[in-house]
Amino acid sequence: MTGIEKIIKQIESDTQLECSDIIAVAENNAEKIISDAKLEATKTAAKIEKDADSKYKDIIERGKSSAEVESKKTILLAKQQVIKEMIENAKKYLENLSDDEYFDLVFKLIKKNQSADNGVIGFNKKDMSRIDDKFAEKLNSVSDGKLTLSKEPININSGFVLFYNGIEGNCSFDAMFSSMYEKISDRVMNLLF
């Protein structure tokens, strides 16, 4: 071998060694990059899974909470409906009392709601037809002032209206139940629930 051939061989050998070193470093770097990428992908996947689990739990909790609110609303509406029906039934019961019982109740209400002044008391057409001859006598025995029976029926379902010097005292069952609705409703609620 000549000197040039030895130099070429030496250059080839050195080049191969250098190439092997470069390839080894590149393979090491590639393995590190792949390892780092796998580690980062695992971390990212774990974070995505944790976030998804958290969102899932949040959605489930909100769904449960919403269902509970709807359930409570439904129960409340049902209770309110039962109370309303009971109050209506109580009012109908009073409206359908026998004449004696009905007017005994009316006289108690007159005593409670009267004024010492003279006035007029008005009833609906049905109640006016149930009034007997003794009514006026009994009416003035329970009132502090003199009450005169209105000649014309008034537009109420039941009960009566007192008129004193232009002031109207609405003692219809509708008005009384309406004004006491909250109080009655609370009592019924306590009795039933």
N, C-alpha and C. Protein backbone atom coordinates (compact mmCIF):
# COMPACT_ATOMS: atom_id res chain seq x y z
N MET A 1 0.83 -1.17 0.00
CA MET A 1 0.00 0.00 0.00
C MET A 1 0.88 1.24 0.00
N THR A 2 0.44 2.10 -0.73
CA THR A 2 1.19 3.31 -0.87
C THR A 2 0.75 4.29 0.19
N GLY A 3 1.46 5.35 0.28
CA GLY A 3 1.19 6.36 1.30
C GLY A 3 -0.17 6.99 1.13
N ILE A 4 -0.56 7.17 -0.11
CA ILE A 4 -1.86 7.79 -0.36
C ILE A 4 -2.95 6.81 0.03
N GLU A 5 -2.77 5.58 -0.26
CA GLU A 5 -3.78 4.60 0.07
C GLU A 5 -3.95 4.52 1.58
N LYS A 6 -2.80 4.59 2.31
CA LYS A 6 -2.88 4.55 3.77
C LYS A 6 -3.61 5.78 4.30
N ILE A 7 -3.36 6.89 3.72
CA ILE A 7 -4.01 8.13 4.17
C ILE A 7 -5.49 8.03 3.89
N ILE A 8 -5.88 7.50 2.73
CA ILE A 8 -7.29 7.37 2.37
C ILE A 8 -7.95 6.39 3.34
N LYS A 9 -7.24 5.28 3.60
CA LYS A 9 -7.78 4.30 4.54
C LYS A 9 -7.97 4.93 5.91
N GLN A 10 -6.99 5.71 6.33
CA GLN A 10 -7.06 6.35 7.64
C GLN A 10 -8.23 7.34 7.67
N ILE A 11 -8.43 8.08 6.59
CA ILE A 11 -9.52 9.05 6.51
C ILE A 11 -10.85 8.30 6.56
N GLU A 12 -10.94 7.20 5.80
CA GLU A 12 -12.17 6.40 5.80
C GLU A 12 -12.44 5.85 7.18
N SER A 13 -11.41 5.34 7.84
CA SER A 13 -11.57 4.78 9.19
C SER A 13 -12.00 5.87 10.16
N ASP A 14 -11.34 7.03 10.10
CA ASP A 14 -11.69 8.15 10.99
C ASP A 14 -13.13 8.63 10.71
N THR A 15 -13.47 8.67 9.42
CA THR A 15 -14.81 9.12 9.01
C THR A 15 -15.85 8.13 9.53
N GLN A 16 -15.56 6.84 9.39
CA GLN A 16 -16.51 5.84 9.88
C GLN A 16 -16.68 5.95 11.39
N LEU A 17 -15.57 6.15 12.07
CA LEU A 17 -15.62 6.31 13.53
C LEU A 17 -16.45 7.56 13.90
N GLU A 18 -16.19 8.63 13.20
CA GLU A 18 -16.90 9.87 13.47
C GLU A 18 -18.38 9.70 13.14
N CYS A 19 -18.67 9.03 12.02
CA CYS A 19 -20.06 8.79 11.63
C CYS A 19 -20.74 7.91 12.67
N SER A 20 -20.05 6.90 13.16
CA SER A 20 -20.61 6.03 14.19
C SER A 20 -20.90 6.82 15.46
N ASP A 21 -19.99 7.72 15.82
CA ASP A 21 -20.21 8.57 17.01
C ASP A 21 -21.42 9.49 16.80
N ILE A 22 -21.51 10.08 15.61
CA ILE A 22 -22.62 11.00 15.30
C ILE A 22 -23.94 10.23 15.34
N ILE A 23 -23.95 9.02 14.73
CA ILE A 23 -25.15 8.19 14.71
C ILE A 23 -25.54 7.79 16.13
N ALA A 24 -24.55 7.41 16.96
CA ALA A 24 -24.82 7.02 18.35
C ALA A 24 -25.43 8.20 19.12
N VAL A 25 -24.85 9.40 18.93
CA VAL A 25 -25.37 10.60 19.61
C VAL A 25 -26.79 10.89 19.11
N ALA A 26 -27.01 10.78 17.79
CA ALA A 26 -28.33 11.04 17.20
C ALA A 26 -29.35 10.03 17.72
N GLU A 27 -28.94 8.75 17.79
CA GLU A 27 -29.85 7.72 18.31
C GLU A 27 -30.17 7.99 19.77
N ASN A 28 -29.17 8.38 20.56
CA ASN A 28 -29.40 8.74 21.97
C ASN A 28 -30.37 9.92 22.08
N ASN A 29 -30.12 10.95 21.27
CA ASN A 29 -31.00 12.13 21.27
C ASN A 29 -32.42 11.74 20.85
N ALA A 30 -32.53 10.90 19.82
CA ALA A 30 -33.84 10.46 19.34
C ALA A 30 -34.56 9.68 20.43
N GLU A 31 -33.85 8.78 21.12
CA GLU A 31 -34.46 8.01 22.21
C GLU A 31 -34.91 8.93 23.34
N LYS A 32 -34.10 9.95 23.65
CA LYS A 32 -34.47 10.91 24.71
C LYS A 32 -35.69 11.71 24.29
N ILE A 33 -35.71 12.15 23.03
CA ILE A 33 -36.86 12.92 22.53
C ILE A 33 -38.12 12.04 22.58
N ILE A 34 -37.99 10.78 22.12
CA ILE A 34 -39.14 9.87 22.15
C ILE A 34 -39.57 9.61 23.59
N SER A 35 -38.61 9.39 24.49
CA SER A 35 -38.91 9.14 25.90
C SER A 35 -39.59 10.35 26.53
N ASP A 36 -39.06 11.54 26.24
CA ASP A 36 -39.66 12.78 26.77
C ASP A 36 -41.07 12.98 26.21
N ALA A 37 -41.24 12.68 24.91
CA ALA A 37 -42.55 12.84 24.27
C ALA A 37 -43.56 11.86 24.89
N LYS A 38 -43.11 10.61 25.15
CA LYS A 38 -44.00 9.62 25.77
C LYS A 38 -44.39 10.08 27.18
N LEU A 39 -43.40 10.59 27.93
CA LEU A 39 -43.66 11.08 29.28
C LEU A 39 -44.64 12.26 29.25
N GLU A 40 -44.44 13.19 28.31
CA GLU A 40 -45.32 14.36 28.17
C GLU A 40 -46.72 13.91 27.74
N ALA A 41 -46.78 12.94 26.80
CA ALA A 41 -48.08 12.42 26.35
C ALA A 41 -48.81 11.75 27.50
N THR A 42 -48.09 11.00 28.35
CA THR A 42 -48.70 10.35 29.51
C THR A 42 -49.25 11.40 30.48
N LYS A 43 -48.44 12.44 30.74
CA LYS A 43 -48.89 13.51 31.63
C LYS A 43 -50.13 14.21 31.06
N THR A 44 -50.10 14.52 29.77
CA THR A 44 -51.22 15.19 29.10
C THR A 44 -52.47 14.32 29.15
N ALA A 45 -52.30 13.02 28.86
CA ALA A 45 -53.43 12.10 28.89
C ALA A 45 -54.01 12.02 30.31
N ALA A 46 -53.15 11.98 31.33
CA ALA A 46 -53.61 11.92 32.72
C ALA A 46 -54.38 13.20 33.08
N LYS A 47 -53.87 14.37 32.62
CA LYS A 47 -54.54 15.64 32.90
C LYS A 47 -55.90 15.69 32.19
N ILE A 48 -55.93 15.25 30.93
CA ILE A 48 -57.19 15.23 30.18
C ILE A 48 -58.19 14.30 30.86
N GLU A 49 -57.73 13.15 31.30
CA GLU A 49 -58.61 12.20 31.99
C GLU A 49 -59.12 12.78 33.30
N LYS A 50 -58.22 13.44 34.06
CA LYS A 50 -58.62 14.05 35.32
C LYS A 50 -59.65 15.17 35.08
N ASP A 51 -59.39 16.02 34.07
CA ASP A 51 -60.33 17.10 33.74
C ASP A 51 -61.68 16.54 33.30
N ALA A 52 -61.64 15.48 32.47
CA ALA A 52 -62.88 14.87 32.00
C ALA A 52 -63.65 14.27 33.17
N ASP A 53 -62.94 13.62 34.10
CA ASP A 53 -63.58 13.03 35.27
C ASP A 53 -64.21 14.12 36.13
N SER A 54 -63.48 15.22 36.30
CA SER A 54 -63.99 16.34 37.09
C SER A 54 -65.24 16.94 36.44
N LYS A 55 -65.20 17.12 35.11
CA LYS A 55 -66.36 17.66 34.39
C LYS A 55 -67.54 16.70 34.49
N TYR A 56 -67.26 15.40 34.37
CA TYR A 56 -68.30 14.38 34.48
C TYR A 56 -68.97 14.46 35.85
N LYS A 57 -68.14 14.52 36.90
CA LYS A 57 -68.69 14.59 38.26
C LYS A 57 -69.50 15.87 38.45
N ASP A 58 -69.00 16.98 37.89
CA ASP A 58 -69.70 18.26 38.00
C ASP A 58 -71.06 18.18 37.30
N ILE A 59 -71.08 17.58 36.11
CA ILE A 59 -72.33 17.45 35.36
C ILE A 59 -73.32 16.58 36.15
N ILE A 60 -72.83 15.48 36.72
CA ILE A 60 -73.68 14.59 37.51
C ILE A 60 -74.24 15.33 38.72
N GLU A 61 -73.38 16.09 39.43
CA GLU A 61 -73.83 16.84 40.62
C GLU A 61 -74.86 17.89 40.25
N ARG A 62 -74.61 18.60 39.15
CA ARG A 62 -75.58 19.62 38.72
C ARG A 62 -76.90 18.97 38.33
N GLY A 63 -76.81 17.80 37.68
CA GLY A 63 -78.02 17.07 37.31
C GLY A 63 -78.80 16.64 38.54
N LYS A 64 -78.08 16.12 39.56
CA LYS A 64 -78.74 15.71 40.80
C LYS A 64 -79.38 16.91 41.49
N SER A 65 -78.63 18.01 41.54
CA SER A 65 -79.13 19.22 42.19
C SER A 65 -80.37 19.74 41.47
N SER A 66 -80.31 19.75 40.15
CA SER A 66 -81.45 20.21 39.36
C SER A 66 -82.65 19.30 39.57
N ALA A 67 -82.40 18.00 39.62
CA ALA A 67 -83.50 17.04 39.85
C ALA A 67 -84.11 17.25 41.24
N GLU A 68 -83.27 17.52 42.24
CA GLU A 68 -83.78 17.77 43.60
C GLU A 68 -84.63 19.02 43.64
N VAL A 69 -84.18 20.08 42.96
CA VAL A 69 -84.94 21.33 42.92
C VAL A 69 -86.29 21.09 42.25
N GLU A 70 -86.28 20.39 41.12
CA GLU A 70 -87.53 20.09 40.41
C GLU A 70 -88.45 19.24 41.28
N SER A 71 -87.87 18.27 41.98
CA SER A 71 -88.67 17.41 42.85
C SER A 71 -89.31 18.24 43.95
N LYS A 72 -88.53 19.11 44.58
CA LYS A 72 -89.06 19.97 45.64
C LYS A 72 -90.15 20.90 45.11
N LYS A 73 -89.94 21.44 43.90
CA LYS A 73 -90.95 22.31 43.30
C LYS A 73 -92.26 21.55 43.05
N THR A 74 -92.11 20.32 42.54
CA THR A 74 -93.29 19.50 42.26
C THR A 74 -94.04 19.19 43.54
N ILE A 75 -93.31 18.83 44.59
CA ILE A 75 -93.93 18.54 45.88
C ILE A 75 -94.62 19.78 46.43
N LEU A 76 -93.94 20.92 46.35
CA LEU A 76 -94.53 22.18 46.84
C LEU A 76 -95.81 22.52 46.08
N LEU A 77 -95.77 22.38 44.76
CA LEU A 77 -96.97 22.66 43.96
C LEU A 77 -98.11 21.71 44.33
N ALA A 78 -97.77 20.44 44.56
CA ALA A 78 -98.80 19.47 44.96
C ALA A 78 -99.38 19.85 46.31
N LYS A 79 -98.52 20.25 47.26
CA LYS A 79 -99.01 20.66 48.58
C LYS A 79 -99.90 21.89 48.47
N GLN A 80 -99.46 22.85 47.66
CA GLN A 80 -100.26 24.07 47.48
C GLN A 80 -101.62 23.75 46.86
N GLN A 81 -101.63 22.80 45.93
CA GLN A 81 -102.88 22.40 45.29
C GLN A 81 -103.81 21.74 46.31
N VAL A 82 -103.25 20.88 47.16
CA VAL A 82 -104.05 20.21 48.19
C VAL A 82 -104.63 21.25 49.15
N ILE A 83 -103.79 22.20 49.55
CA ILE A 83 -104.25 23.26 50.48
C ILE A 83 -105.35 24.09 49.82
N LYS A 84 -105.14 24.47 48.58
CA LYS A 84 -106.14 25.27 47.87
C LYS A 84 -107.47 24.52 47.78
N GLU A 85 -107.40 23.23 47.46
CA GLU A 85 -108.62 22.42 47.37
C GLU A 85 -109.30 22.30 48.74
N MET A 86 -108.51 22.13 49.79
CA MET A 86 -109.09 22.03 51.13
C MET A 86 -109.79 23.33 51.52
N ILE A 87 -109.17 24.46 51.21
CA ILE A 87 -109.77 25.75 51.54
C ILE A 87 -111.06 25.95 50.73
N GLU A 88 -111.02 25.60 49.45
CA GLU A 88 -112.23 25.70 48.62
C GLU A 88 -113.33 24.79 49.17
N ASN A 89 -112.95 23.57 49.58
CA ASN A 89 -113.93 22.64 50.14
C ASN A 89 -114.53 23.19 51.44
N ALA A 90 -113.70 23.83 52.26
CA ALA A 90 -114.19 24.42 53.51
C ALA A 90 -115.19 25.54 53.21
N LYS A 91 -114.86 26.36 52.20
CA LYS A 91 -115.76 27.45 51.83
C LYS A 91 -117.09 26.87 51.30
N LYS A 92 -117.00 25.85 50.45
CA LYS A 92 -118.22 25.21 49.93
C LYS A 92 -119.04 24.58 51.06
N TYR A 93 -118.34 24.01 52.02
CA TYR A 93 -119.03 23.42 53.17
C TYR A 93 -119.86 24.49 53.88
N LEU A 94 -119.23 25.65 54.12
CA LEU A 94 -119.96 26.75 54.80
C LEU A 94 -121.12 27.24 53.96
N GLU A 95 -120.91 27.33 52.65
CA GLU A 95 -121.98 27.81 51.76
C GLU A 95 -123.16 26.85 51.72
N ASN A 96 -122.91 25.58 51.99
CA ASN A 96 -123.96 24.57 51.90
C ASN A 96 -124.52 24.13 53.25
N LEU A 97 -124.25 24.91 54.28
CA LEU A 97 -124.83 24.61 55.59
C LEU A 97 -126.36 24.72 55.51
N SER A 98 -127.03 24.09 56.43
CA SER A 98 -128.50 24.24 56.49
C SER A 98 -128.79 25.72 56.78
N ASP A 99 -130.00 26.14 56.50
CA ASP A 99 -130.37 27.55 56.71
C ASP A 99 -130.05 28.00 58.13
N ASP A 100 -130.45 27.21 59.12
CA ASP A 100 -130.22 27.60 60.52
C ASP A 100 -128.72 27.73 60.81
N GLU A 101 -127.94 26.73 60.40
CA GLU A 101 -126.49 26.77 60.66
C GLU A 101 -125.83 27.93 59.91
N TYR A 102 -126.26 28.13 58.67
CA TYR A 102 -125.69 29.20 57.85
C TYR A 102 -125.94 30.56 58.49
N PHE A 103 -127.18 30.81 58.89
CA PHE A 103 -127.49 32.12 59.44
C PHE A 103 -126.96 32.28 60.87
N ASP A 104 -126.78 31.19 61.61
CA ASP A 104 -126.09 31.28 62.91
C ASP A 104 -124.65 31.78 62.68
N LEU A 105 -124.02 31.23 61.66
CA LEU A 105 -122.67 31.68 61.31
C LEU A 105 -122.68 33.13 60.87
N VAL A 106 -123.66 33.51 60.05
CA VAL A 106 -123.78 34.89 59.58
C VAL A 106 -123.94 35.84 60.77
N PHE A 107 -124.77 35.47 61.73
CA PHE A 107 -124.97 36.34 62.90
C PHE A 107 -123.68 36.49 63.71
N LYS A 108 -122.92 35.41 63.83
CA LYS A 108 -121.63 35.50 64.54
C LYS A 108 -120.68 36.45 63.79
N LEU A 109 -120.70 36.37 62.47
CA LEU A 109 -119.84 37.25 61.67
C LEU A 109 -120.30 38.70 61.73
N ILE A 110 -121.62 38.90 61.79
CA ILE A 110 -122.14 40.27 61.92
C ILE A 110 -121.66 40.86 63.24
N LYS A 111 -121.79 40.10 64.32
CA LYS A 111 -121.38 40.57 65.65
C LYS A 111 -119.89 40.97 65.63
N LYS A 112 -119.10 40.17 64.93
CA LYS A 112 -117.66 40.41 64.89
C LYS A 112 -117.29 41.60 64.00
N ASN A 113 -118.05 41.86 62.94
CA ASN A 113 -117.67 42.87 61.94
C ASN A 113 -118.55 44.12 61.93
N GLN A 114 -119.48 44.25 62.86
CA GLN A 114 -120.43 45.35 62.85
C GLN A 114 -119.81 46.66 63.35
N SER A 115 -120.60 47.69 63.13
CA SER A 115 -120.27 49.01 63.65
C SER A 115 -121.45 49.43 64.53
N ALA A 116 -121.22 50.39 65.40
CA ALA A 116 -122.30 50.85 66.27
C ALA A 116 -123.28 51.74 65.50
N ASP A 117 -122.91 52.11 64.29
CA ASP A 117 -123.78 52.97 63.47
C ASP A 117 -124.93 52.16 62.87
N ASN A 118 -125.90 52.91 62.35
CA ASN A 118 -126.97 52.26 61.59
C ASN A 118 -126.44 51.97 60.20
N GLY A 119 -126.87 50.84 59.63
CA GLY A 119 -126.38 50.48 58.31
C GLY A 119 -127.33 49.57 57.57
N VAL A 120 -126.83 49.08 56.45
CA VAL A 120 -127.61 48.19 55.59
C VAL A 120 -126.79 46.93 55.40
N ILE A 121 -127.46 45.78 55.38
CA ILE A 121 -126.78 44.51 55.13
C ILE A 121 -127.34 43.93 53.84
N GLY A 122 -126.44 43.48 52.98
CA GLY A 122 -126.86 42.92 51.69
C GLY A 122 -126.44 41.47 51.54
N PHE A 123 -127.32 40.68 50.95
CA PHE A 123 -127.07 39.26 50.68
C PHE A 123 -127.24 39.00 49.19
N ASN A 124 -126.78 37.82 48.78
CA ASN A 124 -127.01 37.43 47.39
C ASN A 124 -128.46 36.95 47.25
N LYS A 125 -128.88 36.70 46.02
CA LYS A 125 -130.27 36.32 45.74
C LYS A 125 -130.64 35.02 46.45
N LYS A 126 -129.75 34.03 46.44
CA LYS A 126 -130.04 32.73 47.07
C LYS A 126 -130.29 32.92 48.57
N ASP A 127 -129.39 33.67 49.23
CA ASP A 127 -129.53 33.87 50.67
C ASP A 127 -130.77 34.69 51.01
N MET A 128 -131.10 35.67 50.17
CA MET A 128 -132.30 36.49 50.43
C MET A 128 -133.55 35.61 50.39
N SER A 129 -133.53 34.59 49.53
CA SER A 129 -134.71 33.71 49.45
C SER A 129 -134.81 32.80 50.68
N ARG A 130 -133.71 32.64 51.42
CA ARG A 130 -133.71 31.76 52.60
C ARG A 130 -134.06 32.53 53.89
N ILE A 131 -134.11 33.84 53.81
CA ILE A 131 -134.37 34.65 55.00
C ILE A 131 -135.84 34.56 55.38
N ASP A 132 -136.10 34.28 56.67
CA ASP A 132 -137.48 34.17 57.14
C ASP A 132 -137.91 35.44 57.88
N ASP A 133 -139.11 35.43 58.40
CA ASP A 133 -139.67 36.62 59.06
C ASP A 133 -138.93 36.98 60.35
N LYS A 134 -138.37 36.01 61.01
CA LYS A 134 -137.69 36.26 62.29
C LYS A 134 -136.28 36.83 62.09
N PHE A 135 -135.83 36.87 60.84
CA PHE A 135 -134.47 37.30 60.56
C PHE A 135 -134.20 38.73 61.04
N ALA A 136 -135.07 39.67 60.70
CA ALA A 136 -134.86 41.08 61.06
C ALA A 136 -134.80 41.25 62.57
N GLU A 137 -135.65 40.52 63.27
CA GLU A 137 -135.67 40.58 64.74
C GLU A 137 -134.33 40.09 65.30
N LYS A 138 -133.88 38.96 64.83
CA LYS A 138 -132.62 38.39 65.32
C LYS A 138 -131.44 39.27 64.89
N LEU A 139 -131.52 39.83 63.68
CA LEU A 139 -130.45 40.68 63.15
C LEU A 139 -130.21 41.86 64.09
N ASN A 140 -131.25 42.51 64.51
CA ASN A 140 -131.08 43.68 65.37
C ASN A 140 -130.76 43.30 66.81
N SER A 141 -131.01 42.05 67.18
CA SER A 141 -130.64 41.63 68.53
C SER A 141 -129.13 41.36 68.63
N VAL A 142 -128.48 41.07 67.51
CA VAL A 142 -127.03 40.81 67.55
C VAL A 142 -126.20 42.03 67.17
N SER A 143 -126.83 43.05 66.63
CA SER A 143 -126.05 44.21 66.18
C SER A 143 -126.18 45.37 67.16
N ASP A 144 -125.09 46.15 67.24
CA ASP A 144 -125.07 47.30 68.15
C ASP A 144 -125.91 48.45 67.59
N GLY A 145 -125.85 48.66 66.29
CA GLY A 145 -126.67 49.69 65.64
C GLY A 145 -127.84 48.99 64.96
N LYS A 146 -128.63 49.77 64.24
CA LYS A 146 -129.76 49.16 63.53
C LYS A 146 -129.30 48.81 62.13
N LEU A 147 -129.51 47.54 61.74
CA LEU A 147 -129.19 47.08 60.39
C LEU A 147 -130.48 46.82 59.63
N THR A 148 -130.54 47.38 58.44
CA THR A 148 -131.69 47.17 57.58
C THR A 148 -131.28 46.25 56.44
N LEU A 149 -132.15 45.34 56.10
CA LEU A 149 -131.89 44.40 55.03
C LEU A 149 -132.05 45.10 53.68
N SER A 150 -131.04 44.97 52.83
CA SER A 150 -131.11 45.55 51.49
C SER A 150 -132.24 44.90 50.71
N LYS A 151 -132.95 45.71 49.94
CA LYS A 151 -134.06 45.19 49.12
C LYS A 151 -133.53 44.47 47.88
N GLU A 152 -132.37 44.89 47.40
CA GLU A 152 -131.79 44.31 46.18
C GLU A 152 -130.66 43.33 46.54
N PRO A 153 -130.62 42.19 45.86
CA PRO A 153 -129.50 41.26 46.11
C PRO A 153 -128.19 41.84 45.59
N ILE A 154 -127.11 41.42 46.20
CA ILE A 154 -125.79 41.89 45.75
C ILE A 154 -125.06 40.73 45.09
N ASN A 155 -124.05 41.06 44.33
CA ASN A 155 -123.35 40.07 43.52
C ASN A 155 -122.17 39.45 44.30
N ILE A 156 -122.49 38.52 45.19
CA ILE A 156 -121.47 37.74 45.92
C ILE A 156 -121.95 36.29 45.93
N ASN A 157 -121.05 35.37 46.20
CA ASN A 157 -121.42 33.94 46.23
C ASN A 157 -122.06 33.56 47.56
N SER A 158 -121.56 34.11 48.63
CA SER A 158 -122.06 33.75 49.96
C SER A 158 -121.59 34.80 50.95
N GLY A 159 -122.15 34.74 52.17
CA GLY A 159 -121.81 35.74 53.17
C GLY A 159 -122.68 36.97 53.00
N PHE A 160 -122.11 38.13 53.31
CA PHE A 160 -122.89 39.36 53.26
C PHE A 160 -121.96 40.55 53.12
N VAL A 161 -122.54 41.73 52.88
CA VAL A 161 -121.79 42.98 52.83
C VAL A 161 -122.53 43.97 53.72
N LEU A 162 -121.74 44.63 54.58
CA LEU A 162 -122.30 45.67 55.45
C LEU A 162 -121.99 47.04 54.84
N PHE A 163 -122.99 47.92 54.84
CA PHE A 163 -122.82 49.28 54.32
C PHE A 163 -123.10 50.27 55.45
N TYR A 164 -122.08 51.05 55.80
CA TYR A 164 -122.21 52.07 56.83
C TYR A 164 -121.76 53.41 56.27
N ASN A 165 -122.67 54.35 56.08
CA ASN A 165 -122.33 55.72 55.64
C ASN A 165 -121.32 55.71 54.49
N GLY A 166 -121.60 54.95 53.47
CA GLY A 166 -120.73 54.92 52.29
C GLY A 166 -119.52 54.00 52.42
N ILE A 167 -119.34 53.40 53.57
CA ILE A 167 -118.22 52.48 53.76
C ILE A 167 -118.76 51.05 53.66
N GLU A 168 -118.07 50.27 52.87
CA GLU A 168 -118.52 48.90 52.61
C GLU A 168 -117.64 47.92 53.38
N GLY A 169 -118.27 47.02 54.13
CA GLY A 169 -117.55 45.96 54.83
C GLY A 169 -117.86 44.63 54.16
N ASN A 170 -116.96 44.17 53.32
CA ASN A 170 -117.20 42.95 52.54
C ASN A 170 -116.96 41.72 53.42
N CYS A 171 -118.02 41.09 53.82
CA CYS A 171 -117.95 39.89 54.64
C CYS A 171 -118.40 38.67 53.84
N SER A 172 -118.20 38.74 52.53
CA SER A 172 -118.50 37.56 51.72
C SER A 172 -117.47 36.50 52.07
N PHE A 173 -117.86 35.24 51.94
CA PHE A 173 -116.92 34.16 52.26
C PHE A 173 -115.69 34.26 51.37
N ASP A 174 -115.89 34.63 50.10
CA ASP A 174 -114.74 34.77 49.18
C ASP A 174 -113.76 35.80 49.72
N ALA A 175 -114.26 36.95 50.15
CA ALA A 175 -113.39 38.02 50.65
C ALA A 175 -112.70 37.60 51.95
N MET A 176 -113.45 36.96 52.84
CA MET A 176 -112.85 36.57 54.12
C MET A 176 -111.80 35.48 53.92
N PHE A 177 -112.11 34.49 53.09
CA PHE A 177 -111.12 33.43 52.83
C PHE A 177 -109.89 34.01 52.12
N SER A 178 -110.12 34.95 51.22
CA SER A 178 -109.01 35.56 50.49
C SER A 178 -108.10 36.35 51.44
N SER A 179 -108.71 37.13 52.33
CA SER A 179 -107.91 37.96 53.25
C SER A 179 -107.16 37.12 54.28
N MET A 180 -107.68 35.93 54.56
CA MET A 180 -107.04 35.07 55.55
C MET A 180 -106.33 33.87 54.91
N TYR A 181 -106.15 33.90 53.59
CA TYR A 181 -105.63 32.75 52.86
C TYR A 181 -104.28 32.27 53.41
N GLU A 182 -103.36 33.20 53.62
CA GLU A 182 -102.02 32.82 54.11
C GLU A 182 -102.10 32.15 55.48
N LYS A 183 -102.89 32.74 56.37
CA LYS A 183 -103.03 32.19 57.72
C LYS A 183 -103.67 30.81 57.68
N ILE A 184 -104.74 30.68 56.89
CA ILE A 184 -105.41 29.38 56.76
C ILE A 184 -104.47 28.38 56.11
N SER A 185 -103.78 28.82 55.09
CA SER A 185 -102.85 27.95 54.37
C SER A 185 -101.76 27.42 55.30
N ASP A 186 -101.23 28.29 56.14
CA ASP A 186 -100.19 27.87 57.10
C ASP A 186 -100.74 26.83 58.08
N ARG A 187 -101.96 27.06 58.56
CA ARG A 187 -102.56 26.10 59.50
C ARG A 187 -102.80 24.75 58.84
N VAL A 188 -103.33 24.78 57.62
CA VAL A 188 -103.58 23.52 56.90
C VAL A 188 -102.25 22.81 56.64
N MET A 189 -101.23 23.58 56.26
CA MET A 189 -99.90 23.01 55.99
C MET A 189 -99.37 22.31 57.24
N ASN A 190 -99.53 22.96 58.39
CA ASN A 190 -99.05 22.35 59.65
C ASN A 190 -99.84 21.10 60.00
N LEU A 191 -101.13 21.11 59.72
CA LEU A 191 -101.95 19.93 60.02
C LEU A 191 -101.62 18.76 59.10
N LEU A 192 -101.43 19.06 57.83
CA LEU A 192 -101.23 17.98 56.86
C LEU A 192 -99.79 17.52 56.74
N PHE A 193 -98.87 18.44 56.80
CA PHE A 193 -97.48 18.09 56.48
C PHE A 193 -96.60 18.37 57.67
